[in-house]
Amino acid sequence: MVGSAGLQAVLAAAKKGKRLAIANKEPLVIAGKLLTRTARENNALLIPVDSEHSAIFQAMQAGRREEVARIILTSSGGPFRKMGAEELENVTVKQALAHPVWDMVRRLR
């Protein structure tokens, strides 16, 4: 399911302590704190299966969590895929949201 369509089902499965294979980031973007807390409280397991998220999940299995201060997950290359390191240092939020394929929105902290 795309977008928020699957959020209720994901939360219900987490409340039942199920193993959840998350194929997109939407449940975590929309309700990350609620979903992870619910999963933790009910011994549910969240397993990311989308390529970038799964790679991070797998990498985190290799060491200790305290060794990582933060993780930055970028969009799929988008407007930056042909930029060099120097150009990337000056990228603006406006440029980041101008993805050529996806309709990106700014995430509020």
PDB file of N, CA and C in Angstrom:
ATOM      1  N   MET A   1       0.841  -1.176   0.000  1.00  0.00           N
ATOM      2  CA  MET A   1       0.000   0.000   0.000  1.00  0.00           C
ATOM      3  C   MET A   1       0.887   1.240   0.000  1.00  0.00           C
ATOM      4  N   VAL A   2       0.434   2.271  -0.641  1.00  0.00           N
ATOM      5  CA  VAL A   2       1.228   3.488  -0.708  1.00  0.00           C
ATOM      6  C   VAL A   2       0.657   4.549   0.226  1.00  0.00           C
ATOM      7  N   GLY A   3       1.516   5.511   0.549  1.00  0.00           N
ATOM      8  CA  GLY A   3       1.077   6.630   1.385  1.00  0.00           C
ATOM      9  C   GLY A   3       0.602   6.180   2.748  1.00  0.00           C
ATOM     10  N   SER A   4      -0.442   6.824   3.240  1.00  0.00           N
ATOM     11  CA  SER A   4      -0.951   6.527   4.581  1.00  0.00           C
ATOM     12  C   SER A   4      -1.977   5.405   4.584  1.00  0.00           C
ATOM     13  N   ALA A   5      -2.290   4.831   3.427  1.00  0.00           N
ATOM     14  CA  ALA A   5      -3.343   3.822   3.311  1.00  0.00           C
ATOM     15  C   ALA A   5      -3.126   2.618   4.227  1.00  0.00           C
ATOM     16  N   GLY A   6      -1.891   2.224   4.445  1.00  0.00           N
ATOM     17  CA  GLY A   6      -1.621   1.033   5.244  1.00  0.00           C
ATOM     18  C   GLY A   6      -1.317   1.290   6.707  1.00  0.00           C
ATOM     19  N   LEU A   7      -1.380   2.542   7.136  1.00  0.00           N
ATOM     20  CA  LEU A   7      -0.960   2.861   8.506  1.00  0.00           C
ATOM     21  C   LEU A   7      -1.780   2.127   9.561  1.00  0.00           C
ATOM     22  N   GLN A   8      -3.102   2.095   9.420  1.00  0.00           N
ATOM     23  CA  GLN A   8      -3.933   1.408  10.418  1.00  0.00           C
ATOM     24  C   GLN A   8      -3.569  -0.064  10.521  1.00  0.00           C
ATOM     25  N   ALA A   9      -3.360  -0.709   9.386  1.00  0.00           N
ATOM     26  CA  ALA A   9      -3.016  -2.130   9.378  1.00  0.00           C
ATOM     27  C   ALA A   9      -1.650  -2.367  10.027  1.00  0.00           C
ATOM     28  N   VAL A  10      -0.700  -1.494   9.742  1.00  0.00           N
ATOM     29  CA  VAL A  10       0.644  -1.630  10.311  1.00  0.00           C
ATOM     30  C   VAL A  10       0.592  -1.472  11.833  1.00  0.00           C
ATOM     31  N   LEU A  11      -0.138  -0.469  12.309  1.00  0.00           N
ATOM     32  CA  LEU A  11      -0.265  -0.261  13.758  1.00  0.00           C
ATOM     33  C   LEU A  11      -0.980  -1.442  14.421  1.00  0.00           C
ATOM     34  N   ALA A  12      -2.021  -1.962  13.772  1.00  0.00           N
ATOM     35  CA  ALA A  12      -2.745  -3.108  14.326  1.00  0.00           C
ATOM     36  C   ALA A  12      -1.831  -4.325  14.438  1.00  0.00           C
ATOM     37  N   ALA A  13      -1.018  -4.549  13.418  1.00  0.00           N
ATOM     38  CA  ALA A  13      -0.086  -5.681  13.452  1.00  0.00           C
ATOM     39  C   ALA A  13       0.960  -5.492  14.549  1.00  0.00           C
ATOM     40  N   ALA A  14       1.440  -4.263  14.717  1.00  0.00           N
ATOM     41  CA  ALA A  14       2.423  -3.978  15.773  1.00  0.00           C
ATOM     42  C   ALA A  14       1.806  -4.218  17.151  1.00  0.00           C
ATOM     43  N   LYS A  15       0.546  -3.847  17.326  1.00  0.00           N
ATOM     44  CA  LYS A  15      -0.143  -4.064  18.614  1.00  0.00           C
ATOM     45  C   LYS A  15      -0.294  -5.545  18.927  1.00  0.00           C
ATOM     46  N   LYS A  16      -0.341  -6.373  17.884  1.00  0.00           N
ATOM     47  CA  LYS A  16      -0.461  -7.820  18.082  1.00  0.00           C
ATOM     48  C   LYS A  16       0.898  -8.508  18.166  1.00  0.00           C
ATOM     49  N   GLY A  17       1.973  -7.722  18.137  1.00  0.00           N
ATOM     50  CA  GLY A  17       3.309  -8.293  18.277  1.00  0.00           C
ATOM     51  C   GLY A  17       3.796  -9.050  17.054  1.00  0.00           C
ATOM     52  N   LYS A  18       3.309  -8.685  15.903  1.00  0.00           N
ATOM     53  CA  LYS A  18       3.673  -9.387  14.670  1.00  0.00           C
ATOM     54  C   LYS A  18       5.021  -8.930  14.121  1.00  0.00           C
ATOM     55  N   ARG A  19       5.556  -9.706  13.218  1.00  0.00           N
ATOM     56  CA  ARG A  19       6.745  -9.326  12.463  1.00  0.00           C
ATOM     57  C   ARG A  19       6.251  -8.584  11.223  1.00  0.00           C
ATOM     58  N   LEU A  20       6.687  -7.340  11.041  1.00  0.00           N
ATOM     59  CA  LEU A  20       6.205  -6.505   9.946  1.00  0.00           C
ATOM     60  C   LEU A  20       7.312  -6.242   8.946  1.00  0.00           C
ATOM     61  N   ALA A  21       7.082  -6.605   7.702  1.00  0.00           N
ATOM     62  CA  ALA A  21       8.016  -6.286   6.620  1.00  0.00           C
ATOM     63  C   ALA A  21       7.525  -4.977   6.001  1.00  0.00           C
ATOM     64  N   ILE A  22       8.227  -3.894   6.267  1.00  0.00           N
ATOM     65  CA  ILE A  22       7.828  -2.563   5.808  1.00  0.00           C
ATOM     66  C   ILE A  22       8.483  -2.304   4.445  1.00  0.00           C
ATOM     67  N   ALA A  23       7.650  -2.163   3.404  1.00  0.00           N
ATOM     68  CA  ALA A  23       8.171  -2.014   2.050  1.00  0.00           C
ATOM     69  C   ALA A  23       8.306  -0.566   1.605  1.00  0.00           C
ATOM     70  N   ASN A  24       7.863   0.375   2.417  1.00  0.00           N
ATOM     71  CA  ASN A  24       8.052   1.791   2.089  1.00  0.00           C
ATOM     72  C   ASN A  24       8.258   2.574   3.377  1.00  0.00           C
ATOM     73  N   LYS A  25       8.668   3.805   3.253  1.00  0.00           N
ATOM     74  CA  LYS A  25       8.998   4.594   4.440  1.00  0.00           C
ATOM     75  C   LYS A  25       7.807   5.334   5.036  1.00  0.00           C
ATOM     76  N   GLU A  26       6.683   5.369   4.347  1.00  0.00           N
ATOM     77  CA  GLU A  26       5.554   6.177   4.779  1.00  0.00           C
ATOM     78  C   GLU A  26       5.095   5.921   6.216  1.00  0.00           C
ATOM     79  N   PRO A  27       4.943   4.654   6.664  1.00  0.00           N
ATOM     80  CA  PRO A  27       4.497   4.462   8.052  1.00  0.00           C
ATOM     81  C   PRO A  27       5.433   5.108   9.071  1.00  0.00           C
ATOM     82  N   LEU A  28       6.726   5.092   8.784  1.00  0.00           N
ATOM     83  CA  LEU A  28       7.688   5.678   9.715  1.00  0.00           C
ATOM     84  C   LEU A  28       7.751   7.195   9.603  1.00  0.00           C
ATOM     85  N   VAL A  29       7.526   7.723   8.410  1.00  0.00           N
ATOM     86  CA  VAL A  29       7.505   9.178   8.252  1.00  0.00           C
ATOM     87  C   VAL A  29       6.252   9.745   8.901  1.00  0.00           C
ATOM     88  N   ILE A  30       5.127   9.087   8.686  1.00  0.00           N
ATOM     89  CA  ILE A  30       3.845   9.570   9.191  1.00  0.00           C
ATOM     90  C   ILE A  30       3.729   9.390  10.706  1.00  0.00           C
ATOM     91  N   ALA A  31       4.128   8.220  11.208  1.00  0.00           N
ATOM     92  CA  ALA A  31       3.897   7.906  12.622  1.00  0.00           C
ATOM     93  C   ALA A  31       5.065   7.142  13.222  1.00  0.00           C
ATOM     94  N   GLY A  32       6.282   7.583  12.927  1.00  0.00           N
ATOM     95  CA  GLY A  32       7.473   6.865  13.365  1.00  0.00           C
ATOM     96  C   GLY A  32       7.565   6.619  14.854  1.00  0.00           C
ATOM     97  N   LYS A  33       7.383   7.658  15.655  1.00  0.00           N
ATOM     98  CA  LYS A  33       7.491   7.485  17.113  1.00  0.00           C
ATOM     99  C   LYS A  33       6.406   6.554  17.636  1.00  0.00           C
ATOM    100  N   LEU A  34       5.179   6.751  17.161  1.00  0.00           N
ATOM    101  CA  LEU A  34       4.062   5.903  17.589  1.00  0.00           C
ATOM    102  C   LEU A  34       4.281   4.456  17.159  1.00  0.00           C
ATOM    103  N   LEU A  35       4.673   4.251  15.923  1.00  0.00           N
ATOM    104  CA  LEU A  35       4.869   2.891  15.415  1.00  0.00           C
ATOM    105  C   LEU A  35       6.009   2.179  16.126  1.00  0.00           C
ATOM    106  N   THR A  36       7.139   2.844  16.291  1.00  0.00           N
ATOM    107  CA  THR A  36       8.274   2.177  16.949  1.00  0.00           C
ATOM    108  C   THR A  36       7.975   1.917  18.425  1.00  0.00           C
ATOM    109  N   ARG A  37       7.293   2.844  19.079  1.00  0.00           N
ATOM    110  CA  ARG A  37       6.920   2.625  20.492  1.00  0.00           C
ATOM    111  C   ARG A  37       5.943   1.458  20.611  1.00  0.00           C
ATOM    112  N   THR A  38       4.941   1.431  19.741  1.00  0.00           N
ATOM    113  CA  THR A  38       3.959   0.346  19.762  1.00  0.00           C
ATOM    114  C   THR A  38       4.632  -0.992  19.503  1.00  0.00           C
ATOM    115  N   ALA A  39       5.532  -1.033  18.539  1.00  0.00           N
ATOM    116  CA  ALA A  39       6.256  -2.265  18.239  1.00  0.00           C
ATOM    117  C   ALA A  39       7.091  -2.710  19.438  1.00  0.00           C
ATOM    118  N   ARG A  40       7.795  -1.773  20.035  1.00  0.00           N
ATOM    119  CA  ARG A  40       8.646  -2.094  21.193  1.00  0.00           C
ATOM    120  C   ARG A  40       7.808  -2.629  22.360  1.00  0.00           C
ATOM    121  N   GLU A  41       6.687  -1.959  22.644  1.00  0.00           N
ATOM    122  CA  GLU A  41       5.835  -2.349  23.778  1.00  0.00           C
ATOM    123  C   GLU A  41       5.186  -3.715  23.582  1.00  0.00           C
ATOM    124  N   ASN A  42       5.020  -4.138  22.346  1.00  0.00           N
ATOM    125  CA  ASN A  42       4.331  -5.387  22.053  1.00  0.00           C
ATOM    126  C   ASN A  42       5.235  -6.455  21.439  1.00  0.00           C
ATOM    127  N   ASN A  43       6.537  -6.224  21.523  1.00  0.00           N
ATOM    128  CA  ASN A  43       7.538  -7.158  20.997  1.00  0.00           C
ATOM    129  C   ASN A  43       7.328  -7.469  19.515  1.00  0.00           C
ATOM    130  N   ALA A  44       6.829  -6.494  18.769  1.00  0.00           N
ATOM    131  CA  ALA A  44       6.716  -6.639  17.312  1.00  0.00           C
ATOM    132  C   ALA A  44       8.082  -6.337  16.707  1.00  0.00           C
ATOM    133  N   LEU A  45       8.327  -6.863  15.547  1.00  0.00           N
ATOM    134  CA  LEU A  45       9.603  -6.639  14.875  1.00  0.00           C
ATOM    135  C   LEU A  45       9.345  -5.909  13.561  1.00  0.00           C
ATOM    136  N   LEU A  46       9.977  -4.754  13.383  1.00  0.00           N
ATOM    137  CA  LEU A  46       9.872  -3.986  12.151  1.00  0.00           C
ATOM    138  C   LEU A  46      11.077  -4.316  11.285  1.00  0.00           C
ATOM    139  N   ILE A  47      10.817  -4.856  10.109  1.00  0.00           N
ATOM    140  CA  ILE A  47      11.891  -5.225   9.197  1.00  0.00           C
ATOM    141  C   ILE A  47      11.725  -4.434   7.901  1.00  0.00           C
ATOM    142  N   PRO A  48      12.645  -3.516   7.619  1.00  0.00           N
ATOM    143  CA  PRO A  48      12.538  -2.753   6.372  1.00  0.00           C
ATOM    144  C   PRO A  48      12.992  -3.601   5.189  1.00  0.00           C
ATOM    145  N   VAL A  49      12.160  -3.631   4.151  1.00  0.00           N
ATOM    146  CA  VAL A  49      12.530  -4.421   2.976  1.00  0.00           C
ATOM    147  C   VAL A  49      12.779  -3.547   1.744  1.00  0.00           C
ATOM    148  N   ASP A  50      12.488  -2.245   1.825  1.00  0.00           N
ATOM    149  CA  ASP A  50      12.817  -1.327   0.737  1.00  0.00           C
ATOM    150  C   ASP A  50      14.341  -1.231   0.680  1.00  0.00           C
ATOM    151  N   SER A  51      14.903  -1.104  -0.492  1.00  0.00           N
ATOM    152  CA  SER A  51      16.353  -1.241  -0.687  1.00  0.00           C
ATOM    153  C   SER A  51      17.208  -0.386   0.248  1.00  0.00           C
ATOM    154  N   GLU A  52      17.010   0.938   0.260  1.00  0.00           N
ATOM    155  CA  GLU A  52      17.869   1.800   1.085  1.00  0.00           C
ATOM    156  C   GLU A  52      17.668   1.522   2.573  1.00  0.00           C
ATOM    157  N   HIS A  53      16.413   1.351   2.968  1.00  0.00           N
ATOM    158  CA  HIS A  53      16.118   1.133   4.380  1.00  0.00           C
ATOM    159  C   HIS A  53      16.634  -0.223   4.857  1.00  0.00           C
ATOM    160  N   SER A  54      16.525  -1.215   3.991  1.00  0.00           N
ATOM    161  CA  SER A  54      17.038  -2.534   4.331  1.00  0.00           C
ATOM    162  C   SER A  54      18.559  -2.511   4.454  1.00  0.00           C
ATOM    163  N   ALA A  55      19.218  -1.746   3.590  1.00  0.00           N
ATOM    164  CA  ALA A  55      20.679  -1.640   3.657  1.00  0.00           C
ATOM    165  C   ALA A  55      21.107  -1.031   4.995  1.00  0.00           C
ATOM    166  N   ILE A  56      20.403   0.001   5.439  1.00  0.00           N
ATOM    167  CA  ILE A  56      20.717   0.609   6.739  1.00  0.00           C
ATOM    168  C   ILE A  56      20.460  -0.393   7.853  1.00  0.00           C
ATOM    169  N   PHE A  57      19.322  -1.062   7.814  1.00  0.00           N
ATOM    170  CA  PHE A  57      18.979  -2.076   8.815  1.00  0.00           C
ATOM    171  C   PHE A  57      20.070  -3.139   8.902  1.00  0.00           C
ATOM    172  N   GLN A  58      20.503  -3.638   7.737  1.00  0.00           N
ATOM    173  CA  GLN A  58      21.532  -4.669   7.719  1.00  0.00           C
ATOM    174  C   GLN A  58      22.868  -4.140   8.232  1.00  0.00           C
ATOM    175  N   ALA A  59      23.214  -2.927   7.853  1.00  0.00           N
ATOM    176  CA  ALA A  59      24.478  -2.338   8.312  1.00  0.00           C
ATOM    177  C   ALA A  59      24.482  -2.167   9.823  1.00  0.00           C
ATOM    178  N   MET A  60      23.334  -1.811  10.382  1.00  0.00           N
ATOM    179  CA  MET A  60      23.250  -1.602  11.833  1.00  0.00           C
ATOM    180  C   MET A  60      23.399  -2.904  12.614  1.00  0.00           C
ATOM    181  N   GLN A  61      23.214  -4.034  11.945  1.00  0.00           N
ATOM    182  CA  GLN A  61      23.393  -5.326  12.604  1.00  0.00           C
ATOM    183  C   GLN A  61      24.873  -5.649  12.811  1.00  0.00           C
ATOM    184  N   ALA A  62      25.745  -4.919  12.115  1.00  0.00           N
ATOM    185  CA  ALA A  62      27.174  -5.236  12.106  1.00  0.00           C
ATOM    186  C   ALA A  62      27.948  -4.636  13.278  1.00  0.00           C
ATOM    187  N   GLY A  63      27.377  -3.681  13.974  1.00  0.00           N
ATOM    188  CA  GLY A  63      28.115  -3.027  15.050  1.00  0.00           C
ATOM    189  C   GLY A  63      27.205  -2.722  16.227  1.00  0.00           C
ATOM    190  N   ARG A  64      27.641  -1.762  17.034  1.00  0.00           N
ATOM    191  CA  ARG A  64      26.855  -1.350  18.194  1.00  0.00           C
ATOM    192  C   ARG A  64      26.105  -0.066  17.877  1.00  0.00           C
ATOM    193  N   ARG A  65      24.886   0.028  18.326  1.00  0.00           N
ATOM    194  CA  ARG A  65      24.036   1.185  18.047  1.00  0.00           C
ATOM    195  C   ARG A  65      24.689   2.489  18.509  1.00  0.00           C
ATOM    196  N   GLU A  66      25.373   2.465  19.622  1.00  0.00           N
ATOM    197  CA  GLU A  66      25.998   3.685  20.153  1.00  0.00           C
ATOM    198  C   GLU A  66      27.153   4.195  19.285  1.00  0.00           C
ATOM    199  N   GLU A  67      27.589   3.410  18.328  1.00  0.00           N
ATOM    200  CA  GLU A  67      28.627   3.843  17.402  1.00  0.00           C
ATOM    201  C   GLU A  67      28.083   4.782  16.315  1.00  0.00           C
ATOM    202  N   VAL A  68      26.765   4.881  16.218  1.00  0.00           N
ATOM    203  CA  VAL A  68      26.130   5.695  15.178  1.00  0.00           C
ATOM    204  C   VAL A  68      25.438   6.891  15.824  1.00  0.00           C
ATOM    205  N   ALA A  69      25.852   8.097  15.436  1.00  0.00           N
ATOM    206  CA  ALA A  69      25.242   9.314  15.976  1.00  0.00           C
ATOM    207  C   ALA A  69      23.951   9.653  15.243  1.00  0.00           C
ATOM    208  N   ARG A  70      23.951   9.479  13.929  1.00  0.00           N
ATOM    209  CA  ARG A  70      22.746   9.730  13.144  1.00  0.00           C
ATOM    210  C   ARG A  70      22.891   9.082  11.779  1.00  0.00           C
ATOM    211  N   ILE A  71      21.754   8.924  11.131  1.00  0.00           N
ATOM    212  CA  ILE A  71      21.710   8.345   9.790  1.00  0.00           C
ATOM    213  C   ILE A  71      20.987   9.346   8.905  1.00  0.00           C
ATOM    214  N   ILE A  72      21.556   9.631   7.772  1.00  0.00           N
ATOM    215  CA  ILE A  72      20.923  10.537   6.821  1.00  0.00           C
ATOM    216  C   ILE A  72      20.545   9.721   5.596  1.00  0.00           C
ATOM    217  N   LEU A  73      19.258   9.648   5.326  1.00  0.00           N
ATOM    218  CA  LEU A  73      18.768   8.916   4.166  1.00  0.00           C
ATOM    219  C   LEU A  73      18.293   9.933   3.142  1.00  0.00           C
ATOM    220  N   THR A  74      18.924   9.933   2.014  1.00  0.00           N
ATOM    221  CA  THR A  74      18.568  10.891   0.960  1.00  0.00           C
ATOM    222  C   THR A  74      17.594  10.266  -0.020  1.00  0.00           C
ATOM    223  N   SER A  75      17.011  11.088  -0.864  1.00  0.00           N
ATOM    224  CA  SER A  75      16.123  10.552  -1.900  1.00  0.00           C
ATOM    225  C   SER A  75      16.953   9.860  -2.972  1.00  0.00           C
ATOM    226  N   SER A  76      16.285   9.225  -3.908  1.00  0.00           N
ATOM    227  CA  SER A  76      16.945   8.369  -4.893  1.00  0.00           C
ATOM    228  C   SER A  76      17.804   9.107  -5.909  1.00  0.00           C
ATOM    229  N   GLY A  77      18.751   9.832  -5.465  1.00  0.00           N
ATOM    230  CA  GLY A  77      19.626  10.545  -6.399  1.00  0.00           C
ATOM    231  C   GLY A  77      18.985  11.820  -6.887  1.00  0.00           C
ATOM    232  N   GLY A  78      17.858  11.667  -7.507  1.00  0.00           N
ATOM    233  CA  GLY A  78      17.084  12.813  -7.978  1.00  0.00           C
ATOM    234  C   GLY A  78      17.940  13.839  -8.692  1.00  0.00           C
ATOM    235  N   PRO A  79      17.755  15.112  -8.334  1.00  0.00           N
ATOM    236  CA  PRO A  79      18.462  16.170  -9.035  1.00  0.00           C
ATOM    237  C   PRO A  79      19.963  16.198  -8.739  1.00  0.00           C
ATOM    238  N   PHE A  80      20.433  15.383  -7.804  1.00  0.00           N
ATOM    239  CA  PHE A  80      21.836  15.432  -7.387  1.00  0.00           C
ATOM    240  C   PHE A  80      22.696  14.299  -7.934  1.00  0.00           C
ATOM    241  N   ARG A  81      22.110  13.386  -8.654  1.00  0.00           N
ATOM    242  CA  ARG A  81      22.849  12.181  -9.021  1.00  0.00           C
ATOM    243  C   ARG A  81      24.082  12.433  -9.879  1.00  0.00           C
ATOM    244  N   LYS A  82      24.150  13.577 -10.552  1.00  0.00           N
ATOM    245  CA  LYS A  82      25.321  13.857 -11.393  1.00  0.00           C
ATOM    246  C   LYS A  82      26.217  14.950 -10.804  1.00  0.00           C
ATOM    247  N   MET A  83      25.928  15.366  -9.576  1.00  0.00           N
ATOM    248  CA  MET A  83      26.726  16.424  -8.937  1.00  0.00           C
ATOM    249  C   MET A  83      27.956  15.850  -8.262  1.00  0.00           C
ATOM    250  N   GLY A  84      29.004  16.649  -8.253  1.00  0.00           N
ATOM    251  CA  GLY A  84      30.213  16.275  -7.541  1.00  0.00           C
ATOM    252  C   GLY A  84      30.132  16.705  -6.077  1.00  0.00           C
ATOM    253  N   ALA A  85      31.117  16.314  -5.295  1.00  0.00           N
ATOM    254  CA  ALA A  85      31.132  16.598  -3.861  1.00  0.00           C
ATOM    255  C   ALA A  85      31.061  18.099  -3.566  1.00  0.00           C
ATOM    256  N   GLU A  86      31.805  18.895  -4.317  1.00  0.00           N
ATOM    257  CA  GLU A  86      31.795  20.349  -4.084  1.00  0.00           C
ATOM    258  C   GLU A  86      30.421  20.945  -4.332  1.00  0.00           C
ATOM    259  N   GLU A  87      29.763  20.528  -5.396  1.00  0.00           N
ATOM    260  CA  GLU A  87      28.426  21.036  -5.700  1.00  0.00           C
ATOM    261  C   GLU A  87      27.419  20.630  -4.628  1.00  0.00           C
ATOM    262  N   LEU A  88      27.559  19.426  -4.104  1.00  0.00           N
ATOM    263  CA  LEU A  88      26.627  18.928  -3.095  1.00  0.00           C
ATOM    264  C   LEU A  88      26.687  19.719  -1.792  1.00  0.00           C
ATOM    265  N   GLU A  89      27.827  20.319  -1.505  1.00  0.00           N
ATOM    266  CA  GLU A  89      27.967  21.100  -0.274  1.00  0.00           C
ATOM    267  C   GLU A  89      27.058  22.326  -0.251  1.00  0.00           C
ATOM    268  N   ASN A  90      26.647  22.820  -1.424  1.00  0.00           N
ATOM    269  CA  ASN A  90      25.845  24.034  -1.502  1.00  0.00           C
ATOM    270  C   ASN A  90      24.396  23.791  -1.913  1.00  0.00           C
ATOM    271  N   VAL A  91      23.927  22.566  -1.803  1.00  0.00           N
ATOM    272  CA  VAL A  91      22.555  22.236  -2.182  1.00  0.00           C
ATOM    273  C   VAL A  91      21.571  22.900  -1.212  1.00  0.00           C
ATOM    274  N   THR A  92      20.488  23.421  -1.757  1.00  0.00           N
ATOM    275  CA  THR A  92      19.451  24.070  -0.944  1.00  0.00           C
ATOM    276  C   THR A  92      18.272  23.119  -0.725  1.00  0.00           C
ATOM    277  N   VAL A  93      17.428  23.431   0.241  1.00  0.00           N
ATOM    278  CA  VAL A  93      16.219  22.652   0.487  1.00  0.00           C
ATOM    279  C   VAL A  93      15.338  22.675  -0.760  1.00  0.00           C
ATOM    280  N   LYS A  94      15.230  23.844  -1.380  1.00  0.00           N
ATOM    281  CA  LYS A  94      14.415  23.975  -2.593  1.00  0.00           C
ATOM    282  C   LYS A  94      14.890  22.997  -3.664  1.00  0.00           C
ATOM    283  N   GLN A  95      16.194  22.881  -3.832  1.00  0.00           N
ATOM    284  CA  GLN A  95      16.744  21.948  -4.818  1.00  0.00           C
ATOM    285  C   GLN A  95      16.430  20.500  -4.415  1.00  0.00           C
ATOM    286  N   ALA A  96      16.530  20.209  -3.139  1.00  0.00           N
ATOM    287  CA  ALA A  96      16.280  18.850  -2.661  1.00  0.00           C
ATOM    288  C   ALA A  96      14.835  18.435  -2.892  1.00  0.00           C
ATOM    289  N   LEU A  97      13.920  19.372  -2.771  1.00  0.00           N
ATOM    290  CA  LEU A  97      12.507  19.061  -2.960  1.00  0.00           C
ATOM    291  C   LEU A  97      12.103  18.997  -4.427  1.00  0.00           C
ATOM    292  N   ALA A  98      13.000  19.390  -5.321  1.00  0.00           N
ATOM    293  CA  ALA A  98      12.713  19.392  -6.763  1.00  0.00           C
ATOM    294  C   ALA A  98      13.120  18.062  -7.399  1.00  0.00           C
ATOM    295  N   HIS A  99      12.646  16.963  -6.862  1.00  0.00           N
ATOM    296  CA  HIS A  99      12.973  15.635  -7.387  1.00  0.00           C
ATOM    297  C   HIS A  99      12.323  15.468  -8.758  1.00  0.00           C
ATOM    298  N   PRO A 100      13.050  14.909  -9.740  1.00  0.00           N
ATOM    299  CA  PRO A 100      12.505  14.805 -11.096  1.00  0.00           C
ATOM    300  C   PRO A 100      11.394  13.761 -11.250  1.00  0.00           C
ATOM    301  N   VAL A 101      11.267  12.838 -10.308  1.00  0.00           N
ATOM    302  CA  VAL A 101      10.280  11.767 -10.432  1.00  0.00           C
ATOM    303  C   VAL A 101       9.205  11.835  -9.341  1.00  0.00           C
ATOM    304  N   TRP A 102       9.623  12.069  -8.098  1.00  0.00           N
ATOM    305  CA  TRP A 102       8.715  12.024  -6.953  1.00  0.00           C
ATOM    306  C   TRP A 102       8.302  13.420  -6.520  1.00  0.00           C
ATOM    307  N   ASP A 103       7.107  13.510  -5.949  1.00  0.00           N
ATOM    308  CA  ASP A 103       6.613  14.753  -5.374  1.00  0.00           C
ATOM    309  C   ASP A 103       7.094  14.792  -3.927  1.00  0.00           C
ATOM    310  N   MET A 104       8.160  15.524  -3.665  1.00  0.00           N
ATOM    311  CA  MET A 104       8.780  15.553  -2.337  1.00  0.00           C
ATOM    312  C   MET A 104       8.150  16.645  -1.479  1.00  0.00           C
ATOM    313  N   VAL A 105       8.084  16.398  -0.178  1.00  0.00           N
ATOM    314  CA  VAL A 105       7.607  17.412   0.767  1.00  0.00           C
ATOM    315  C   VAL A 105       8.648  17.569   1.861  1.00  0.00           C
ATOM    316  N   ARG A 106       8.683  18.752   2.453  1.00  0.00           N
ATOM    317  CA  ARG A 106       9.629  19.010   3.522  1.00  0.00           C
ATOM    318  C   ARG A 106       9.126  18.366   4.807  1.00  0.00           C
ATOM    319  N   ARG A 107       9.994  17.652   5.478  1.00  0.00           N
ATOM    320  CA  ARG A 107       9.650  17.035   6.755  1.00  0.00           C
ATOM    321  C   ARG A 107       9.962  18.013   7.864  1.00  0.00           C
ATOM    322  N   LEU A 108       9.009  18.229   8.741  1.00  0.00           N
ATOM    323  CA  LEU A 108       9.211  19.134   9.866  1.00  0.00           C
ATOM    324  C   LEU A 108       9.788  18.350  11.030  1.00  0.00           C
ATOM    325  N   ARG A 109      10.663  18.985  11.782  1.00  0.00           N
ATOM    326  CA  ARG A 109      11.244  18.297  12.956  1.00  0.00           C
ATOM    327  C   ARG A 109      10.413  18.545  14.170  1.00  0.00           C
TER     328      ARG A 109
END
